Amino acid sequence: MIESDDPAVLARKLAELRLEHRDLDAAIDRLAVAADADELTVKRLKKRRLWLKDCIARLESALIPDEPA
């Protein structure tokens, strides 16, 4: 996903992923109330949103410094 260990690069990517996740939330909410919503599209958006959530969790974990033993 990201090759850099630079915290600034990771933080910027994290912000981008959070924005995309938020946008997907809004799109899924709009489709949920639409009577003619395509179920396959909603499923794909939800799958993408879950993938983004996993990526966000990995990046957040990467930004937390390791504690010395």
N, C-alpha and C. Protein backbone atom coordinates (compact mmCIF):
# COMPACT_ATOMS: atom_id res chain seq x y z
N MET A 1 0.83 -1.18 0.00
CA MET A 1 0.00 0.00 0.00
C MET A 1 0.88 1.25 0.00
N ILE A 2 1.58 1.52 1.12
CA ILE A 2 2.45 2.68 1.20
C ILE A 2 3.85 2.20 1.55
N GLU A 3 4.82 2.65 0.77
CA GLU A 3 6.18 2.21 0.97
C GLU A 3 6.93 3.08 1.96
N SER A 4 6.43 4.26 2.24
CA SER A 4 7.15 5.22 3.08
C SER A 4 6.93 4.96 4.56
N ASP A 5 7.96 5.24 5.34
CA ASP A 5 7.85 5.18 6.80
C ASP A 5 7.76 6.59 7.38
N ASP A 6 7.75 7.60 6.51
CA ASP A 6 7.68 8.99 6.94
C ASP A 6 6.31 9.27 7.57
N PRO A 7 6.28 9.69 8.83
CA PRO A 7 5.00 9.94 9.49
C PRO A 7 4.13 10.98 8.78
N ALA A 8 4.76 11.96 8.14
CA ALA A 8 3.99 12.98 7.43
C ALA A 8 3.26 12.37 6.23
N VAL A 9 3.94 11.50 5.51
CA VAL A 9 3.34 10.83 4.36
C VAL A 9 2.20 9.92 4.83
N LEU A 10 2.45 9.17 5.91
CA LEU A 10 1.42 8.28 6.44
C LEU A 10 0.21 9.07 6.93
N ALA A 11 0.45 10.19 7.59
CA ALA A 11 -0.65 11.01 8.09
C ALA A 11 -1.47 11.59 6.94
N ARG A 12 -0.81 12.01 5.87
CA ARG A 12 -1.52 12.56 4.71
C ARG A 12 -2.38 11.47 4.05
N LYS A 13 -1.81 10.28 3.89
CA LYS A 13 -2.56 9.16 3.30
C LYS A 13 -3.73 8.77 4.19
N LEU A 14 -3.51 8.79 5.51
CA LEU A 14 -4.57 8.49 6.46
C LEU A 14 -5.73 9.47 6.31
N ALA A 15 -5.41 10.73 6.16
CA ALA A 15 -6.45 11.76 5.97
C ALA A 15 -7.23 11.51 4.68
N GLU A 16 -6.52 11.13 3.61
CA GLU A 16 -7.18 10.84 2.33
C GLU A 16 -8.13 9.65 2.47
N LEU A 17 -7.67 8.60 3.15
CA LEU A 17 -8.50 7.41 3.32
C LEU A 17 -9.73 7.71 4.18
N ARG A 18 -9.54 8.51 5.22
CA ARG A 18 -10.68 8.88 6.08
C ARG A 18 -11.72 9.68 5.29
N LEU A 19 -11.24 10.57 4.43
CA LEU A 19 -12.15 11.37 3.60
C LEU A 19 -12.93 10.46 2.64
N GLU A 20 -12.24 9.53 2.01
CA GLU A 20 -12.91 8.60 1.10
C GLU A 20 -13.92 7.74 1.86
N HIS A 21 -13.55 7.30 3.07
CA HIS A 21 -14.45 6.49 3.89
C HIS A 21 -15.71 7.30 4.24
N ARG A 22 -15.53 8.56 4.61
CA ARG A 22 -16.65 9.43 4.94
C ARG A 22 -17.56 9.64 3.72
N ASP A 23 -16.95 9.84 2.55
CA ASP A 23 -17.72 10.01 1.32
C ASP A 23 -18.52 8.75 0.99
N LEU A 24 -17.90 7.58 1.17
CA LEU A 24 -18.61 6.33 0.93
C LEU A 24 -19.78 6.16 1.91
N ASP A 25 -19.57 6.54 3.16
CA ASP A 25 -20.66 6.49 4.15
C ASP A 25 -21.86 7.30 3.65
N ALA A 26 -21.58 8.50 3.17
CA ALA A 26 -22.65 9.37 2.70
C ALA A 26 -23.35 8.76 1.47
N ALA A 27 -22.56 8.21 0.56
CA ALA A 27 -23.15 7.61 -0.64
C ALA A 27 -24.00 6.39 -0.28
N ILE A 28 -23.52 5.57 0.64
CA ILE A 28 -24.28 4.39 1.05
C ILE A 28 -25.57 4.81 1.74
N ASP A 29 -25.50 5.83 2.58
CA ASP A 29 -26.71 6.34 3.25
C ASP A 29 -27.73 6.85 2.24
N ARG A 30 -27.26 7.56 1.22
CA ARG A 30 -28.18 8.06 0.18
C ARG A 30 -28.83 6.91 -0.57
N LEU A 31 -28.03 5.89 -0.90
CA LEU A 31 -28.57 4.74 -1.63
C LEU A 31 -29.52 3.92 -0.77
N ALA A 32 -29.30 3.91 0.54
CA ALA A 32 -30.15 3.12 1.43
C ALA A 32 -31.58 3.64 1.45
N VAL A 33 -31.76 4.94 1.27
CA VAL A 33 -33.11 5.50 1.29
C VAL A 33 -33.74 5.55 -0.10
N ALA A 34 -32.94 5.31 -1.13
CA ALA A 34 -33.46 5.32 -2.50
C ALA A 34 -34.20 4.02 -2.79
N ALA A 35 -35.39 4.15 -3.31
CA ALA A 35 -36.21 2.97 -3.60
C ALA A 35 -35.64 2.14 -4.75
N ASP A 36 -34.98 2.80 -5.68
CA ASP A 36 -34.48 2.10 -6.87
C ASP A 36 -32.97 1.82 -6.78
N ALA A 37 -32.45 1.72 -5.57
CA ALA A 37 -31.01 1.49 -5.39
C ALA A 37 -30.62 0.09 -5.87
N ASP A 38 -29.49 0.04 -6.55
CA ASP A 38 -28.95 -1.23 -7.04
C ASP A 38 -28.23 -1.93 -5.89
N GLU A 39 -28.71 -3.11 -5.50
CA GLU A 39 -28.14 -3.83 -4.36
C GLU A 39 -26.68 -4.19 -4.58
N LEU A 40 -26.32 -4.54 -5.81
CA LEU A 40 -24.94 -4.90 -6.10
C LEU A 40 -24.01 -3.70 -5.89
N THR A 41 -24.45 -2.54 -6.32
CA THR A 41 -23.66 -1.33 -6.12
C THR A 41 -23.48 -1.04 -4.64
N VAL A 42 -24.54 -1.18 -3.87
CA VAL A 42 -24.46 -0.95 -2.43
C VAL A 42 -23.49 -1.93 -1.79
N LYS A 43 -23.55 -3.20 -2.18
CA LYS A 43 -22.64 -4.20 -1.63
C LYS A 43 -21.19 -3.87 -1.97
N ARG A 44 -20.95 -3.44 -3.20
CA ARG A 44 -19.59 -3.08 -3.61
C ARG A 44 -19.08 -1.88 -2.81
N LEU A 45 -19.94 -0.89 -2.62
CA LEU A 45 -19.55 0.28 -1.84
C LEU A 45 -19.25 -0.10 -0.38
N LYS A 46 -20.06 -0.99 0.17
CA LYS A 46 -19.83 -1.43 1.55
C LYS A 46 -18.54 -2.21 1.67
N LYS A 47 -18.23 -3.02 0.65
CA LYS A 47 -16.99 -3.79 0.66
C LYS A 47 -15.79 -2.85 0.57
N ARG A 48 -15.89 -1.85 -0.27
CA ARG A 48 -14.82 -0.84 -0.40
C ARG A 48 -14.65 -0.09 0.92
N ARG A 49 -15.76 0.27 1.56
CA ARG A 49 -15.72 0.99 2.83
C ARG A 49 -15.03 0.14 3.91
N LEU A 50 -15.32 -1.15 3.94
CA LEU A 50 -14.68 -2.05 4.90
C LEU A 50 -13.18 -2.15 4.64
N TRP A 51 -12.81 -2.25 3.37
CA TRP A 51 -11.40 -2.30 3.00
C TRP A 51 -10.69 -1.02 3.46
N LEU A 52 -11.34 0.12 3.24
CA LEU A 52 -10.77 1.40 3.68
C LEU A 52 -10.60 1.43 5.19
N LYS A 53 -11.58 0.92 5.91
CA LYS A 53 -11.51 0.89 7.37
C LYS A 53 -10.30 0.07 7.82
N ASP A 54 -10.06 -1.06 7.16
CA ASP A 54 -8.89 -1.89 7.48
C ASP A 54 -7.59 -1.15 7.18
N CYS A 55 -7.54 -0.46 6.06
CA CYS A 55 -6.34 0.32 5.70
C CYS A 55 -6.10 1.42 6.72
N ILE A 56 -7.16 2.09 7.12
CA ILE A 56 -7.05 3.16 8.12
C ILE A 56 -6.50 2.59 9.43
N ALA A 57 -7.00 1.45 9.85
CA ALA A 57 -6.53 0.83 11.09
C ALA A 57 -5.04 0.47 10.99
N ARG A 58 -4.61 -0.05 9.84
CA ARG A 58 -3.20 -0.39 9.66
C ARG A 58 -2.31 0.85 9.71
N LEU A 59 -2.76 1.93 9.06
CA LEU A 59 -1.97 3.16 9.07
C LEU A 59 -1.91 3.77 10.46
N GLU A 60 -3.03 3.75 11.16
CA GLU A 60 -3.03 4.28 12.53
C GLU A 60 -2.06 3.48 13.40
N SER A 61 -2.03 2.19 13.20
CA SER A 61 -1.12 1.34 13.95
C SER A 61 0.33 1.65 13.59
N ALA A 62 0.57 1.93 12.33
CA ALA A 62 1.93 2.25 11.88
C ALA A 62 2.41 3.59 12.44
N LEU A 63 1.49 4.48 12.73
CA LEU A 63 1.88 5.80 13.26
C LEU A 63 2.16 5.76 14.76
N ILE A 64 1.73 4.71 15.44
CA ILE A 64 1.99 4.59 16.87
C ILE A 64 3.40 4.06 17.06
N PRO A 65 4.25 4.80 17.75
CA PRO A 65 5.64 4.33 17.91
C PRO A 65 5.70 3.08 18.79
N ASP A 66 6.63 2.22 18.46
CA ASP A 66 6.86 1.01 19.25
C ASP A 66 7.48 1.40 20.59
N GLU A 67 7.01 0.74 21.64
CA GLU A 67 7.58 0.99 22.96
C GLU A 67 8.76 0.05 23.18
N PRO A 68 9.82 0.55 23.74
CA PRO A 68 10.97 -0.33 23.99
C PRO A 68 10.61 -1.37 25.07
N ALA A 69 11.18 -2.53 24.92
CA ALA A 69 10.88 -3.62 25.86
C ALA A 69 11.53 -3.41 27.20
